[in-house]
Amino acid sequence: MDTEKLRSFCLSLPGATEGIKWEDHLCFMVGEKMFCITGLTDESTVSFKVKEEEFETMSERNGLIPAPYMARNKWVQVTRRNALRTNEWEHYLRQSYEIIKSKLPKKLQKEIDG
């Protein structure tokens, strides 16, 4: 998935926003909490949160590793974007978004859900 498709998909999720952090990291957030981090180019790695029970299996997949600095929080990093098919990208990005959204205060979750 190229950066523009990734950006378009992430921003299609209710209440999702984007911002630049650490000078050159494109971050996608819900309720100011990050659910996906990438660089500005199509060659950049992409990191997102996965379910605790999926973390080990995902980390062992070819083209994925435990995300530096975030592995303890069950984030993985995609080092080769073609390691995931389009439907897998959408599944894991949506899942990361839902995991992060579920940890937000209930009032904010209701605002996001409309």
PDB file of N, CA and C in Angstrom:
ATOM      1  N   MET A   1       0.859  -1.181   0.000  1.00  0.00           N
ATOM      2  CA  MET A   1       0.000   0.000   0.000  1.00  0.00           C
ATOM      3  C   MET A   1       0.896   1.233   0.000  1.00  0.00           C
ATOM      4  N   ASP A   2       0.684   2.103  -0.971  1.00  0.00           N
ATOM      5  CA  ASP A   2       1.499   3.310  -1.017  1.00  0.00           C
ATOM      6  C   ASP A   2       1.006   4.318   0.033  1.00  0.00           C
ATOM      7  N   THR A   3       1.811   5.332   0.254  1.00  0.00           N
ATOM      8  CA  THR A   3       1.525   6.299   1.324  1.00  0.00           C
ATOM      9  C   THR A   3       0.203   7.019   1.110  1.00  0.00           C
ATOM     10  N   GLU A   4      -0.117   7.377  -0.129  1.00  0.00           N
ATOM     11  CA  GLU A   4      -1.367   8.094  -0.371  1.00  0.00           C
ATOM     12  C   GLU A   4      -2.586   7.217  -0.102  1.00  0.00           C
ATOM     13  N   LYS A   5      -2.531   5.944  -0.484  1.00  0.00           N
ATOM     14  CA  LYS A   5      -3.641   5.023  -0.194  1.00  0.00           C
ATOM     15  C   LYS A   5      -3.754   4.787   1.306  1.00  0.00           C
ATOM     16  N   LEU A   6      -2.617   4.648   1.982  1.00  0.00           N
ATOM     17  CA  LEU A   6      -2.612   4.468   3.439  1.00  0.00           C
ATOM     18  C   LEU A   6      -3.237   5.684   4.107  1.00  0.00           C
ATOM     19  N   ARG A   7      -2.823   6.851   3.667  1.00  0.00           N
ATOM     20  CA  ARG A   7      -3.354   8.104   4.221  1.00  0.00           C
ATOM     21  C   ARG A   7      -4.856   8.206   3.994  1.00  0.00           C
ATOM     22  N   SER A   8      -5.282   7.917   2.786  1.00  0.00           N
ATOM     23  CA  SER A   8      -6.697   7.989   2.446  1.00  0.00           C
ATOM     24  C   SER A   8      -7.517   7.017   3.293  1.00  0.00           C
ATOM     25  N   PHE A   9      -7.026   5.802   3.457  1.00  0.00           N
ATOM     26  CA  PHE A   9      -7.761   4.824   4.250  1.00  0.00           C
ATOM     27  C   PHE A   9      -7.829   5.259   5.713  1.00  0.00           C
ATOM     28  N   CYS A  10      -6.697   5.623   6.280  1.00  0.00           N
ATOM     29  CA  CYS A  10      -6.682   6.017   7.703  1.00  0.00           C
ATOM     30  C   CYS A  10      -7.618   7.192   7.967  1.00  0.00           C
ATOM     31  N   LEU A  11      -7.607   8.178   7.071  1.00  0.00           N
ATOM     32  CA  LEU A  11      -8.448   9.363   7.273  1.00  0.00           C
ATOM     33  C   LEU A  11      -9.921   9.092   6.995  1.00  0.00           C
ATOM     34  N   SER A  12     -10.236   7.948   6.391  1.00  0.00           N
ATOM     35  CA  SER A  12     -11.641   7.589   6.170  1.00  0.00           C
ATOM     36  C   SER A  12     -12.295   7.040   7.439  1.00  0.00           C
ATOM     37  N   LEU A  13     -11.489   6.722   8.438  1.00  0.00           N
ATOM     38  CA  LEU A  13     -12.026   6.192   9.688  1.00  0.00           C
ATOM     39  C   LEU A  13     -12.599   7.339  10.512  1.00  0.00           C
ATOM     40  N   PRO A  14     -13.757   7.140  11.149  1.00  0.00           N
ATOM     41  CA  PRO A  14     -14.425   8.226  11.882  1.00  0.00           C
ATOM     42  C   PRO A  14     -13.520   8.886  12.928  1.00  0.00           C
ATOM     43  N   GLY A  15     -13.417  10.203  12.836  1.00  0.00           N
ATOM     44  CA  GLY A  15     -12.654  10.970  13.826  1.00  0.00           C
ATOM     45  C   GLY A  15     -11.148  10.906  13.665  1.00  0.00           C
ATOM     46  N   ALA A  16     -10.652  10.242  12.626  1.00  0.00           N
ATOM     47  CA  ALA A  16      -9.200  10.126  12.432  1.00  0.00           C
ATOM     48  C   ALA A  16      -8.627  11.453  11.954  1.00  0.00           C
ATOM     49  N   THR A  17      -7.449  11.764  12.474  1.00  0.00           N
ATOM     50  CA  THR A  17      -6.729  12.965  12.077  1.00  0.00           C
ATOM     51  C   THR A  17      -5.295  12.578  11.752  1.00  0.00           C
ATOM     52  N   GLU A  18      -4.566  13.509  11.152  1.00  0.00           N
ATOM     53  CA  GLU A  18      -3.165  13.253  10.848  1.00  0.00           C
ATOM     54  C   GLU A  18      -2.320  14.405  11.340  1.00  0.00           C
ATOM     55  N   GLY A  19      -1.058  14.124  11.543  1.00  0.00           N
ATOM     56  CA  GLY A  19      -0.133  15.153  11.954  1.00  0.00           C
ATOM     57  C   GLY A  19       1.293  14.681  11.733  1.00  0.00           C
ATOM     58  N   ILE A  20       2.205  15.627  11.749  1.00  0.00           N
ATOM     59  CA  ILE A  20       3.626  15.306  11.609  1.00  0.00           C
ATOM     60  C   ILE A  20       4.249  15.412  13.000  1.00  0.00           C
ATOM     61  N   LYS A  21       4.951  14.371  13.394  1.00  0.00           N
ATOM     62  CA  LYS A  21       5.665  14.367  14.678  1.00  0.00           C
ATOM     63  C   LYS A  21       7.118  14.007  14.414  1.00  0.00           C
ATOM     64  N   TRP A  22       7.976  14.406  15.296  1.00  0.00           N
ATOM     65  CA  TRP A  22       9.405  14.094  15.208  1.00  0.00           C
ATOM     66  C   TRP A  22       9.970  14.489  13.847  1.00  0.00           C
ATOM     67  N   GLU A  23       9.530  15.607  13.323  1.00  0.00           N
ATOM     68  CA  GLU A  23       9.985  16.241  12.088  1.00  0.00           C
ATOM     69  C   GLU A  23       9.543  15.555  10.796  1.00  0.00           C
ATOM     70  N   ASP A  24       9.514  14.217  10.745  1.00  0.00           N
ATOM     71  CA  ASP A  24       9.240  13.561   9.469  1.00  0.00           C
ATOM     72  C   ASP A  24       8.415  12.282   9.582  1.00  0.00           C
ATOM     73  N   HIS A  25       7.639  12.153  10.649  1.00  0.00           N
ATOM     74  CA  HIS A  25       6.774  10.987  10.824  1.00  0.00           C
ATOM     75  C   HIS A  25       5.318  11.399  10.647  1.00  0.00           C
ATOM     76  N   LEU A  26       4.667  10.753   9.689  1.00  0.00           N
ATOM     77  CA  LEU A  26       3.252  10.990   9.449  1.00  0.00           C
ATOM     78  C   LEU A  26       2.477  10.094  10.411  1.00  0.00           C
ATOM     79  N   CYS A  27       1.726  10.707  11.301  1.00  0.00           N
ATOM     80  CA  CYS A  27       1.006   9.969  12.344  1.00  0.00           C
ATOM     81  C   CYS A  27      -0.497  10.122  12.149  1.00  0.00           C
ATOM     82  N   PHE A  28      -1.194   9.011  12.285  1.00  0.00           N
ATOM     83  CA  PHE A  28      -2.653   9.008  12.209  1.00  0.00           C
ATOM     84  C   PHE A  28      -3.172   8.750  13.598  1.00  0.00           C
ATOM     85  N   MET A  29      -4.162   9.559  14.009  1.00  0.00           N
ATOM     86  CA  MET A  29      -4.620   9.544  15.388  1.00  0.00           C
ATOM     87  C   MET A  29      -6.134   9.505  15.473  1.00  0.00           C
ATOM     88  N   VAL A  30      -6.594   9.002  16.582  1.00  0.00           N
ATOM     89  CA  VAL A  30      -8.003   9.100  16.945  1.00  0.00           C
ATOM     90  C   VAL A  30      -8.003   9.603  18.383  1.00  0.00           C
ATOM     91  N   GLY A  31      -8.731  10.688  18.632  1.00  0.00           N
ATOM     92  CA  GLY A  31      -8.726  11.279  19.969  1.00  0.00           C
ATOM     93  C   GLY A  31      -7.336  11.650  20.441  1.00  0.00           C
ATOM     94  N   GLU A  32      -6.488  12.130  19.534  1.00  0.00           N
ATOM     95  CA  GLU A  32      -5.108  12.546  19.811  1.00  0.00           C
ATOM     96  C   GLU A  32      -4.178  11.387  20.172  1.00  0.00           C
ATOM     97  N   LYS A  33      -4.636  10.152  20.041  1.00  0.00           N
ATOM     98  CA  LYS A  33      -3.816   8.960  20.313  1.00  0.00           C
ATOM     99  C   LYS A  33      -3.461   8.305  18.986  1.00  0.00           C
ATOM    100  N   MET A  34      -2.195   7.999  18.788  1.00  0.00           N
ATOM    101  CA  MET A  34      -1.736   7.432  17.525  1.00  0.00           C
ATOM    102  C   MET A  34      -2.189   5.985  17.340  1.00  0.00           C
ATOM    103  N   PHE A  35      -2.595   5.671  16.108  1.00  0.00           N
ATOM    104  CA  PHE A  35      -2.897   4.285  15.766  1.00  0.00           C
ATOM    105  C   PHE A  35      -2.069   3.802  14.576  1.00  0.00           C
ATOM    106  N   CYS A  36      -1.376   4.718  13.895  1.00  0.00           N
ATOM    107  CA  CYS A  36      -0.504   4.341  12.773  1.00  0.00           C
ATOM    108  C   CYS A  36       0.562   5.418  12.615  1.00  0.00           C
ATOM    109  N   ILE A  37       1.798   4.957  12.360  1.00  0.00           N
ATOM    110  CA  ILE A  37       2.920   5.869  12.163  1.00  0.00           C
ATOM    111  C   ILE A  37       3.685   5.408  10.929  1.00  0.00           C
ATOM    112  N   THR A  38       4.021   6.357  10.063  1.00  0.00           N
ATOM    113  CA  THR A  38       4.824   6.051   8.884  1.00  0.00           C
ATOM    114  C   THR A  38       5.697   7.255   8.554  1.00  0.00           C
ATOM    115  N   GLY A  39       6.470   7.116   7.506  1.00  0.00           N
ATOM    116  CA  GLY A  39       7.262   8.231   7.010  1.00  0.00           C
ATOM    117  C   GLY A  39       6.501   8.897   5.875  1.00  0.00           C
ATOM    118  N   LEU A  40       7.175   9.777   5.173  1.00  0.00           N
ATOM    119  CA  LEU A  40       6.512  10.546   4.129  1.00  0.00           C
ATOM    120  C   LEU A  40       6.644   9.937   2.738  1.00  0.00           C
ATOM    121  N   THR A  41       7.393   8.842   2.599  1.00  0.00           N
ATOM    122  CA  THR A  41       7.600   8.233   1.293  1.00  0.00           C
ATOM    123  C   THR A  41       7.015   6.823   1.256  1.00  0.00           C
ATOM    124  N   ASP A  42       6.869   6.304   0.048  1.00  0.00           N
ATOM    125  CA  ASP A  42       6.343   4.946  -0.122  1.00  0.00           C
ATOM    126  C   ASP A  42       7.322   3.882   0.361  1.00  0.00           C
ATOM    127  N   GLU A  43       8.570   4.239   0.558  1.00  0.00           N
ATOM    128  CA  GLU A  43       9.566   3.295   1.055  1.00  0.00           C
ATOM    129  C   GLU A  43       9.631   3.275   2.581  1.00  0.00           C
ATOM    130  N   SER A  44       8.925   4.172   3.226  1.00  0.00           N
ATOM    131  CA  SER A  44       8.955   4.262   4.691  1.00  0.00           C
ATOM    132  C   SER A  44       8.317   3.043   5.340  1.00  0.00           C
ATOM    133  N   THR A  45       8.819   2.695   6.512  1.00  0.00           N
ATOM    134  CA  THR A  45       8.174   1.648   7.290  1.00  0.00           C
ATOM    135  C   THR A  45       6.842   2.171   7.810  1.00  0.00           C
ATOM    136  N   VAL A  46       5.989   1.258   8.248  1.00  0.00           N
ATOM    137  CA  VAL A  46       4.690   1.607   8.811  1.00  0.00           C
ATOM    138  C   VAL A  46       4.533   0.825  10.109  1.00  0.00           C
ATOM    139  N   SER A  47       4.110   1.497  11.169  1.00  0.00           N
ATOM    140  CA  SER A  47       3.893   0.829  12.449  1.00  0.00           C
ATOM    141  C   SER A  47       2.456   1.011  12.899  1.00  0.00           C
ATOM    142  N   PHE A  48       1.913  -0.042  13.521  1.00  0.00           N
ATOM    143  CA  PHE A  48       0.559   0.019  14.063  1.00  0.00           C
ATOM    144  C   PHE A  48       0.418  -0.997  15.186  1.00  0.00           C
ATOM    145  N   LYS A  49      -0.614  -0.809  15.984  1.00  0.00           N
ATOM    146  CA  LYS A  49      -0.872  -1.677  17.129  1.00  0.00           C
ATOM    147  C   LYS A  49      -1.661  -2.903  16.676  1.00  0.00           C
ATOM    148  N   VAL A  50      -1.348  -4.054  17.272  1.00  0.00           N
ATOM    149  CA  VAL A  50      -2.089  -5.289  16.994  1.00  0.00           C
ATOM    150  C   VAL A  50      -2.608  -5.863  18.312  1.00  0.00           C
ATOM    151  N   LYS A  51      -3.516  -6.811  18.203  1.00  0.00           N
ATOM    152  CA  LYS A  51      -4.025  -7.480  19.394  1.00  0.00           C
ATOM    153  C   LYS A  51      -2.887  -8.232  20.076  1.00  0.00           C
ATOM    154  N   GLU A  52      -2.945  -8.274  21.399  1.00  0.00           N
ATOM    155  CA  GLU A  52      -1.888  -8.933  22.171  1.00  0.00           C
ATOM    156  C   GLU A  52      -1.654 -10.364  21.693  1.00  0.00           C
ATOM    157  N   GLU A  53      -2.748 -11.079  21.414  1.00  0.00           N
ATOM    158  CA  GLU A  53      -2.612 -12.482  21.012  1.00  0.00           C
ATOM    159  C   GLU A  53      -2.069 -12.647  19.588  1.00  0.00           C
ATOM    160  N   GLU A  54      -2.041 -11.582  18.797  1.00  0.00           N
ATOM    161  CA  GLU A  54      -1.512 -11.635  17.429  1.00  0.00           C
ATOM    162  C   GLU A  54      -0.074 -11.140  17.326  1.00  0.00           C
ATOM    163  N   PHE A  55       0.401 -10.479  18.372  1.00  0.00           N
ATOM    164  CA  PHE A  55       1.685  -9.792  18.307  1.00  0.00           C
ATOM    165  C   PHE A  55       2.840 -10.714  17.912  1.00  0.00           C
ATOM    166  N   GLU A  56       2.969 -11.840  18.563  1.00  0.00           N
ATOM    167  CA  GLU A  56       4.093 -12.728  18.288  1.00  0.00           C
ATOM    168  C   GLU A  56       4.053 -13.263  16.857  1.00  0.00           C
ATOM    169  N   THR A  57       2.887 -13.716  16.438  1.00  0.00           N
ATOM    170  CA  THR A  57       2.740 -14.244  15.076  1.00  0.00           C
ATOM    171  C   THR A  57       3.025 -13.168  14.037  1.00  0.00           C
ATOM    172  N   MET A  58       2.488 -11.985  14.249  1.00  0.00           N
ATOM    173  CA  MET A  58       2.715 -10.886  13.303  1.00  0.00           C
ATOM    174  C   MET A  58       4.196 -10.502  13.261  1.00  0.00           C
ATOM    175  N   SER A  59       4.845 -10.482  14.416  1.00  0.00           N
ATOM    176  CA  SER A  59       6.256 -10.094  14.496  1.00  0.00           C
ATOM    177  C   SER A  59       7.164 -11.077  13.774  1.00  0.00           C
ATOM    178  N   GLU A  60       6.690 -12.299  13.604  1.00  0.00           N
ATOM    179  CA  GLU A  60       7.492 -13.332  12.951  1.00  0.00           C
ATOM    180  C   GLU A  60       7.249 -13.409  11.448  1.00  0.00           C
ATOM    181  N   ARG A  61       6.261 -12.691  10.957  1.00  0.00           N
ATOM    182  CA  ARG A  61       5.985 -12.705   9.512  1.00  0.00           C
ATOM    183  C   ARG A  61       7.124 -12.057   8.742  1.00  0.00           C
ATOM    184  N   ASN A  62       7.376 -12.551   7.566  1.00  0.00           N
ATOM    185  CA  ASN A  62       8.394 -11.976   6.708  1.00  0.00           C
ATOM    186  C   ASN A  62       7.986 -10.543   6.348  1.00  0.00           C
ATOM    187  N   GLY A  63       8.878  -9.592   6.597  1.00  0.00           N
ATOM    188  CA  GLY A  63       8.582  -8.194   6.289  1.00  0.00           C
ATOM    189  C   GLY A  63       7.994  -7.414   7.453  1.00  0.00           C
ATOM    190  N   LEU A  64       7.830  -8.058   8.618  1.00  0.00           N
ATOM    191  CA  LEU A  64       7.330  -7.383   9.819  1.00  0.00           C
ATOM    192  C   LEU A  64       8.262  -7.683  10.981  1.00  0.00           C
ATOM    193  N   ILE A  65       8.395  -6.723  11.870  1.00  0.00           N
ATOM    194  CA  ILE A  65       9.203  -6.885  13.079  1.00  0.00           C
ATOM    195  C   ILE A  65       8.480  -6.218  14.246  1.00  0.00           C
ATOM    196  N   PRO A  66       8.874  -6.524  15.494  1.00  0.00           N
ATOM    197  CA  PRO A  66       8.339  -5.740  16.609  1.00  0.00           C
ATOM    198  C   PRO A  66       8.773  -4.279  16.418  1.00  0.00           C
ATOM    199  N   ALA A  67       7.868  -3.364  16.592  1.00  0.00           N
ATOM    200  CA  ALA A  67       8.182  -1.946  16.347  1.00  0.00           C
ATOM    201  C   ALA A  67       9.170  -1.428  17.395  1.00  0.00           C
ATOM    202  N   PRO A  68      10.282  -0.830  16.944  1.00  0.00           N
ATOM    203  CA  PRO A  68      11.230  -0.257  17.895  1.00  0.00           C
ATOM    204  C   PRO A  68      10.531   0.744  18.827  1.00  0.00           C
ATOM    205  N   TYR A  69      10.857   0.672  20.077  1.00  0.00           N
ATOM    206  CA  TYR A  69      10.326   1.548  21.138  1.00  0.00           C
ATOM    207  C   TYR A  69       8.861   1.287  21.490  1.00  0.00           C
ATOM    208  N   MET A  70       8.126   0.584  20.629  1.00  0.00           N
ATOM    209  CA  MET A  70       6.694   0.397  20.860  1.00  0.00           C
ATOM    210  C   MET A  70       6.293  -1.074  20.996  1.00  0.00           C
ATOM    211  N   ALA A  71       7.249  -1.985  20.868  1.00  0.00           N
ATOM    212  CA  ALA A  71       6.931  -3.414  20.918  1.00  0.00           C
ATOM    213  C   ALA A  71       6.293  -3.795  22.253  1.00  0.00           C
ATOM    214  N   ARG A  72       6.717  -3.174  23.326  1.00  0.00           N
ATOM    215  CA  ARG A  72       6.137  -3.518  24.641  1.00  0.00           C
ATOM    216  C   ARG A  72       4.647  -3.183  24.697  1.00  0.00           C
ATOM    217  N   ASN A  73       4.215  -2.297  23.798  1.00  0.00           N
ATOM    218  CA  ASN A  73       2.793  -1.936  23.703  1.00  0.00           C
ATOM    219  C   ASN A  73       2.081  -2.692  22.589  1.00  0.00           C
ATOM    220  N   LYS A  74       2.765  -3.727  22.065  1.00  0.00           N
ATOM    221  CA  LYS A  74       2.195  -4.601  21.021  1.00  0.00           C
ATOM    222  C   LYS A  74       1.990  -3.888  19.689  1.00  0.00           C
ATOM    223  N   TRP A  75       2.999  -3.124  19.304  1.00  0.00           N
ATOM    224  CA  TRP A  75       3.026  -2.510  17.983  1.00  0.00           C
ATOM    225  C   TRP A  75       3.993  -3.295  17.110  1.00  0.00           C
ATOM    226  N   VAL A  76       3.650  -3.453  15.834  1.00  0.00           N
ATOM    227  CA  VAL A  76       4.545  -4.075  14.861  1.00  0.00           C
ATOM    228  C   VAL A  76       4.946  -3.030  13.825  1.00  0.00           C
ATOM    229  N   GLN A  77       6.061  -3.304  13.163  1.00  0.00           N
ATOM    230  CA  GLN A  77       6.523  -2.412  12.101  1.00  0.00           C
ATOM    231  C   GLN A  77       6.614  -3.213  10.803  1.00  0.00           C
ATOM    232  N   VAL A  78       5.993  -2.696   9.776  1.00  0.00           N
ATOM    233  CA  VAL A  78       6.053  -3.307   8.455  1.00  0.00           C
ATOM    234  C   VAL A  78       7.285  -2.722   7.761  1.00  0.00           C
ATOM    235  N   THR A  79       8.267  -3.573   7.515  1.00  0.00           N
ATOM    236  CA  THR A  79       9.509  -3.109   6.890  1.00  0.00           C
ATOM    237  C   THR A  79       9.453  -3.219   5.376  1.00  0.00           C
ATOM    238  N   ARG A  80       8.565  -4.055   4.874  1.00  0.00           N
ATOM    239  CA  ARG A  80       8.332  -4.206   3.436  1.00  0.00           C
ATOM    240  C   ARG A  80       6.831  -4.092   3.204  1.00  0.00           C
ATOM    241  N   ARG A  81       6.413  -3.037   2.575  1.00  0.00           N
ATOM    242  CA  ARG A  81       4.971  -2.786   2.432  1.00  0.00           C
ATOM    243  C   ARG A  81       4.243  -3.875   1.650  1.00  0.00           C
ATOM    244  N   ASN A  82       4.933  -4.586   0.783  1.00  0.00           N
ATOM    245  CA  ASN A  82       4.269  -5.659   0.038  1.00  0.00           C
ATOM    246  C   ASN A  82       4.141  -6.943   0.853  1.00  0.00           C
ATOM    247  N   ALA A  83       4.534  -6.899   2.116  1.00  0.00           N
ATOM    248  CA  ALA A  83       4.384  -8.056   3.001  1.00  0.00           C
ATOM    249  C   ALA A  83       2.914  -8.287   3.363  1.00  0.00           C
ATOM    250  N   LEU A  84       2.079  -7.258   3.199  1.00  0.00           N
ATOM    251  CA  LEU A  84       0.650  -7.372   3.473  1.00  0.00           C
ATOM    252  C   LEU A  84      -0.133  -7.084   2.198  1.00  0.00           C
ATOM    253  N   ARG A  85      -1.209  -7.839   2.007  1.00  0.00           N
ATOM    254  CA  ARG A  85      -2.119  -7.581   0.887  1.00  0.00           C
ATOM    255  C   ARG A  85      -3.032  -6.408   1.271  1.00  0.00           C
ATOM    256  N   THR A  86      -3.686  -5.816   0.296  1.00  0.00           N
ATOM    257  CA  THR A  86      -4.546  -4.656   0.541  1.00  0.00           C
ATOM    258  C   THR A  86      -5.591  -4.951   1.617  1.00  0.00           C
ATOM    259  N   ASN A  87      -6.253  -6.116   1.539  1.00  0.00           N
ATOM    260  CA  ASN A  87      -7.274  -6.427   2.542  1.00  0.00           C
ATOM    261  C   ASN A  87      -6.661  -6.595   3.931  1.00  0.00           C
ATOM    262  N   GLU A  88      -5.420  -7.081   4.007  1.00  0.00           N
ATOM    263  CA  GLU A  88      -4.755  -7.181   5.307  1.00  0.00           C
ATOM    264  C   GLU A  88      -4.406  -5.797   5.832  1.00  0.00           C
ATOM    265  N   TRP A  89      -3.913  -4.921   4.979  1.00  0.00           N
ATOM    266  CA  TRP A  89      -3.630  -3.546   5.395  1.00  0.00           C
ATOM    267  C   TRP A  89      -4.882  -2.925   6.017  1.00  0.00           C
ATOM    268  N   GLU A  90      -5.988  -3.025   5.303  1.00  0.00           N
ATOM    269  CA  GLU A  90      -7.221  -2.413   5.797  1.00  0.00           C
ATOM    270  C   GLU A  90      -7.668  -3.044   7.107  1.00  0.00           C
ATOM    271  N   HIS A  91      -7.560  -4.359   7.208  1.00  0.00           N
ATOM    272  CA  HIS A  91      -7.942  -5.050   8.442  1.00  0.00           C
ATOM    273  C   HIS A  91      -7.099  -4.570   9.617  1.00  0.00           C
ATOM    274  N   TYR A  92      -5.775  -4.591   9.480  1.00  0.00           N
ATOM    275  CA  TYR A  92      -4.905  -4.246  10.606  1.00  0.00           C
ATOM    276  C   TYR A  92      -4.926  -2.763  10.944  1.00  0.00           C
ATOM    277  N   LEU A  93      -5.073  -1.906   9.956  1.00  0.00           N
ATOM    278  CA  LEU A  93      -5.190  -0.470  10.256  1.00  0.00           C
ATOM    279  C   LEU A  93      -6.498  -0.181  10.983  1.00  0.00           C
ATOM    280  N   ARG A  94      -7.596  -0.784  10.515  1.00  0.00           N
ATOM    281  CA  ARG A  94      -8.887  -0.594  11.184  1.00  0.00           C
ATOM    282  C   ARG A  94      -8.830  -1.174  12.611  1.00  0.00           C
ATOM    283  N   GLN A  95      -8.218  -2.332  12.742  1.00  0.00           N
ATOM    284  CA  GLN A  95      -8.109  -2.957  14.062  1.00  0.00           C
ATOM    285  C   GLN A  95      -7.285  -2.087  15.009  1.00  0.00           C
ATOM    286  N   SER A  96      -6.169  -1.547  14.544  1.00  0.00           N
ATOM    287  CA  SER A  96      -5.350  -0.666  15.372  1.00  0.00           C
ATOM    288  C   SER A  96      -6.162   0.553  15.809  1.00  0.00           C
ATOM    289  N   TYR A  97      -6.871   1.141  14.872  1.00  0.00           N
ATOM    290  CA  TYR A  97      -7.747   2.282  15.158  1.00  0.00           C
ATOM    291  C   TYR A  97      -8.765   1.912  16.247  1.00  0.00           C
ATOM    292  N   GLU A  98      -9.417   0.760  16.099  1.00  0.00           N
ATOM    293  CA  GLU A  98     -10.438   0.331  17.069  1.00  0.00           C
ATOM    294  C   GLU A  98      -9.835   0.060  18.441  1.00  0.00           C
ATOM    295  N   ILE A  99      -8.645  -0.544  18.481  1.00  0.00           N
ATOM    296  CA  ILE A  99      -7.980  -0.812  19.767  1.00  0.00           C
ATOM    297  C   ILE A  99      -7.704   0.501  20.487  1.00  0.00           C
ATOM    298  N   ILE A 100      -7.143   1.454  19.760  1.00  0.00           N
ATOM    299  CA  ILE A 100      -6.814   2.755  20.365  1.00  0.00           C
ATOM    300  C   ILE A 100      -8.082   3.499  20.765  1.00  0.00           C
ATOM    301  N   LYS A 101      -9.081   3.503  19.887  1.00  0.00           N
ATOM    302  CA  LYS A 101     -10.342   4.194  20.195  1.00  0.00           C
ATOM    303  C   LYS A 101     -11.000   3.607  21.439  1.00  0.00           C
ATOM    304  N   SER A 102     -10.909   2.296  21.614  1.00  0.00           N
ATOM    305  CA  SER A 102     -11.554   1.641  22.764  1.00  0.00           C
ATOM    306  C   SER A 102     -10.948   2.062  24.095  1.00  0.00           C
ATOM    307  N   LYS A 103      -9.752   2.631  24.073  1.00  0.00           N
ATOM    308  CA  LYS A 103      -9.094   3.072  25.307  1.00  0.00           C
ATOM    309  C   LYS A 103      -9.362   4.543  25.628  1.00  0.00           C
ATOM    310  N   LEU A 104     -10.062   5.211  24.726  1.00  0.00           N
ATOM    311  CA  LEU A 104     -10.408   6.616  24.955  1.00  0.00           C
ATOM    312  C   LEU A 104     -11.552   6.702  25.962  1.00  0.00           C
ATOM    313  N   PRO A 105     -11.721   7.858  26.603  1.00  0.00           N
ATOM    314  CA  PRO A 105     -12.871   8.036  27.496  1.00  0.00           C
ATOM    315  C   PRO A 105     -14.178   7.785  26.737  1.00  0.00           C
ATOM    316  N   LYS A 106     -15.146   7.190  27.407  1.00  0.00           N
ATOM    317  CA  LYS A 106     -16.424   6.820  26.778  1.00  0.00           C
ATOM    318  C   LYS A 106     -17.103   8.018  26.111  1.00  0.00           C
ATOM    319  N   LYS A 107     -17.033   9.168  26.739  1.00  0.00           N
ATOM    320  CA  LYS A 107     -17.658  10.361  26.179  1.00  0.00           C
ATOM    321  C   LYS A 107     -17.046  10.699  24.815  1.00  0.00           C
ATOM    322  N   LEU A 108     -15.730  10.625  24.724  1.00  0.00           N
ATOM    323  CA  LEU A 108     -15.051  10.918  23.470  1.00  0.00           C
ATOM    324  C   LEU A 108     -15.370   9.854  22.419  1.00  0.00           C
ATOM    325  N   GLN A 109     -15.457   8.601  22.833  1.00  0.00           N
ATOM    326  CA  GLN A 109     -15.826   7.533  21.903  1.00  0.00           C
ATOM    327  C   GLN A 109     -17.208   7.815  21.298  1.00  0.00           C
ATOM    328  N   LYS A 110     -18.141   8.257  22.121  1.00  0.00           N
ATOM    329  CA  LYS A 110     -19.501   8.565  21.629  1.00  0.00           C
ATOM    330  C   LYS A 110     -19.479   9.728  20.653  1.00  0.00           C
ATOM    331  N   GLU A 111     -18.656  10.747  20.934  1.00  0.00           N
ATOM    332  CA  GLU A 111     -18.538  11.886  20.027  1.00  0.00           C
ATOM    333  C   GLU A 111     -18.006  11.432  18.664  1.00  0.00           C
ATOM    334  N   ILE A 112     -17.002  10.565  18.689  1.00  0.00           N
ATOM    335  CA  ILE A 112     -16.403  10.068  17.445  1.00  0.00           C
ATOM    336  C   ILE A 112     -17.402   9.236  16.661  1.00  0.00           C
ATOM    337  N   ASP A 113     -18.147   8.402  17.359  1.00  0.00           N
ATOM    338  CA  ASP A 113     -19.122   7.528  16.701  1.00  0.00           C
ATOM    339  C   ASP A 113     -20.350   8.289  16.209  1.00  0.00           C
ATOM    340  N   GLY A 114     -20.506   9.507  16.700  1.00  0.00           N
ATOM    341  CA  GLY A 114     -21.630  10.338  16.251  1.00  0.00           C
ATOM    342  C   GLY A 114     -22.846  10.011  17.002  1.00  0.00           C
TER     343      GLY A 114
END
